[in-house]
């Protein structure tokens, strides 16, 4: 997932994608533990997506707080 895609998402979509990414990471870790994971690099990509989603959510939160403080 690209950062530009994340920035254009609605807040509800952002939360939904974050939940989906967390479930996917859990499933990948489970597959790794049982020896069924074909591509271990996928874990790294999912972790990066989760970090991007968290970063965007936090950025929006800070922007909202600044706007509220300025008003």
C-alpha atoms as a PDB file:
ATOM      1  CA  UNK A   1       0.000   0.000   0.000  1.00  0.00           C
ATOM      2  CA  UNK A   2       1.368   3.388  -0.951  1.00  0.00           C
ATOM      3  CA  UNK A   3       1.450   6.420   1.325  1.00  0.00           C
ATOM      4  CA  UNK A   4      -0.494   8.455  -1.220  1.00  0.00           C
ATOM      5  CA  UNK A   5      -3.309   5.906  -1.099  1.00  0.00           C
ATOM      6  CA  UNK A   6      -3.385   6.077   2.672  1.00  0.00           C
ATOM      7  CA  UNK A   7      -3.519   9.887   2.733  1.00  0.00           C
ATOM      8  CA  UNK A   8      -6.626   9.913   0.547  1.00  0.00           C
ATOM      9  CA  UNK A   9      -8.541   7.426   2.720  1.00  0.00           C
ATOM     10  CA  UNK A  10     -11.463   8.348   4.903  1.00  0.00           C
ATOM     11  CA  UNK A  11     -10.913   7.887   8.654  1.00  0.00           C
ATOM     12  CA  UNK A  12     -13.287   4.911   8.784  1.00  0.00           C
ATOM     13  CA  UNK A  13     -11.443   3.249   5.893  1.00  0.00           C
ATOM     14  CA  UNK A  14      -8.151   3.919   7.637  1.00  0.00           C
ATOM     15  CA  UNK A  15      -9.317   2.110  10.771  1.00  0.00           C
ATOM     16  CA  UNK A  16     -10.688  -0.768   8.722  1.00  0.00           C
ATOM     17  CA  UNK A  17      -7.417  -1.210   6.806  1.00  0.00           C
ATOM     18  CA  UNK A  18      -5.489  -1.111  10.078  1.00  0.00           C
ATOM     19  CA  UNK A  19      -7.623  -3.898  11.526  1.00  0.00           C
ATOM     20  CA  UNK A  20      -7.253  -5.943   8.348  1.00  0.00           C
ATOM     21  CA  UNK A  21      -3.484  -5.481   8.360  1.00  0.00           C
ATOM     22  CA  UNK A  22      -3.242  -6.594  11.981  1.00  0.00           C
ATOM     23  CA  UNK A  23      -5.251  -9.740  11.221  1.00  0.00           C
ATOM     24  CA  UNK A  24      -3.062 -10.419   8.197  1.00  0.00           C
ATOM     25  CA  UNK A  25       0.093 -10.018  10.298  1.00  0.00           C
ATOM     26  CA  UNK A  26      -1.294 -12.426  12.869  1.00  0.00           C
ATOM     27  CA  UNK A  27      -2.058 -14.980  10.163  1.00  0.00           C
ATOM     28  CA  UNK A  28       1.391 -14.585   8.619  1.00  0.00           C
ATOM     29  CA  UNK A  29       3.062 -15.102  11.983  1.00  0.00           C
ATOM     30  CA  UNK A  30       0.939 -18.176  12.562  1.00  0.00           C
ATOM     31  CA  UNK A  31       1.934 -19.558   9.154  1.00  0.00           C
ATOM     32  CA  UNK A  32       5.589 -18.837   9.944  1.00  0.00           C
ATOM     33  CA  UNK A  33       5.366 -20.738  13.216  1.00  0.00           C
ATOM     34  CA  UNK A  34       3.747 -23.747  11.563  1.00  0.00           C
ATOM     35  CA  UNK A  35       6.141 -23.737   8.619  1.00  0.00           C
ATOM     36  CA  UNK A  36       3.517 -22.938   5.982  1.00  0.00           C
ATOM     37  CA  UNK A  37       4.740 -19.464   5.032  1.00  0.00           C
ATOM     38  CA  UNK A  38       6.125 -19.299   1.507  1.00  0.00           C
ATOM     39  CA  UNK A  39       7.356 -15.695   1.506  1.00  0.00           C
ATOM     40  CA  UNK A  40       8.749 -14.448   4.852  1.00  0.00           C
ATOM     41  CA  UNK A  41       9.314 -10.995   3.325  1.00  0.00           C
ATOM     42  CA  UNK A  42       5.552 -10.480   3.357  1.00  0.00           C
ATOM     43  CA  UNK A  43       5.708  -9.995   7.143  1.00  0.00           C
ATOM     44  CA  UNK A  44       8.008  -7.022   6.686  1.00  0.00           C
ATOM     45  CA  UNK A  45       5.681  -5.446   4.120  1.00  0.00           C
ATOM     46  CA  UNK A  46       2.635  -5.833   6.332  1.00  0.00           C
ATOM     47  CA  UNK A  47       4.496  -4.311   9.279  1.00  0.00           C
ATOM     48  CA  UNK A  48       5.402  -1.308   7.120  1.00  0.00           C
ATOM     49  CA  UNK A  49       1.779  -0.898   6.059  1.00  0.00           C
ATOM     50  CA  UNK A  50       0.698  -0.944   9.693  1.00  0.00           C
ATOM     51  CA  UNK A  51       3.305   1.691  10.523  1.00  0.00           C
ATOM     52  CA  UNK A  52       2.147   3.866   7.617  1.00  0.00           C
ATOM     53  CA  UNK A  53      -1.458   3.595   8.753  1.00  0.00           C
ATOM     54  CA  UNK A  54      -0.520   4.496  12.330  1.00  0.00           C
ATOM     55  CA  UNK A  55       1.545   7.448  11.144  1.00  0.00           C
ATOM     56  CA  UNK A  56      -1.283   8.849   9.045  1.00  0.00           C
ATOM     57  CA  UNK A  57      -3.796   8.400  11.868  1.00  0.00           C
ATOM     58  CA  UNK A  58      -1.502  10.221  14.276  1.00  0.00           C
ATOM     59  CA  UNK A  59      -0.830  13.006  11.764  1.00  0.00           C
ATOM     60  CA  UNK A  60      -4.551  13.574  11.369  1.00  0.00           C
ATOM     61  CA  UNK A  61      -4.995  13.590  15.128  1.00  0.00           C
ATOM     62  CA  UNK A  62      -2.275  16.230  15.568  1.00  0.00           C
ATOM     63  CA  UNK A  63      -3.725  18.367  12.752  1.00  0.00           C
ATOM     64  CA  UNK A  64      -7.171  18.242  14.351  1.00  0.00           C
ATOM     65  CA  UNK A  65      -5.712  19.269  17.721  1.00  0.00           C
ATOM     66  CA  UNK A  66      -3.880  22.202  16.124  1.00  0.00           C
ATOM     67  CA  UNK A  67      -7.013  23.374  14.376  1.00  0.00           C
ATOM     68  CA  UNK A  68      -8.960  23.145  17.618  1.00  0.00           C
ATOM     69  CA  UNK A  69      -6.303  25.090  19.482  1.00  0.00           C
ATOM     70  CA  UNK A  70      -6.196  27.775  16.801  1.00  0.00           C
ATOM     71  CA  UNK A  71      -9.950  28.336  16.979  1.00  0.00           C
END
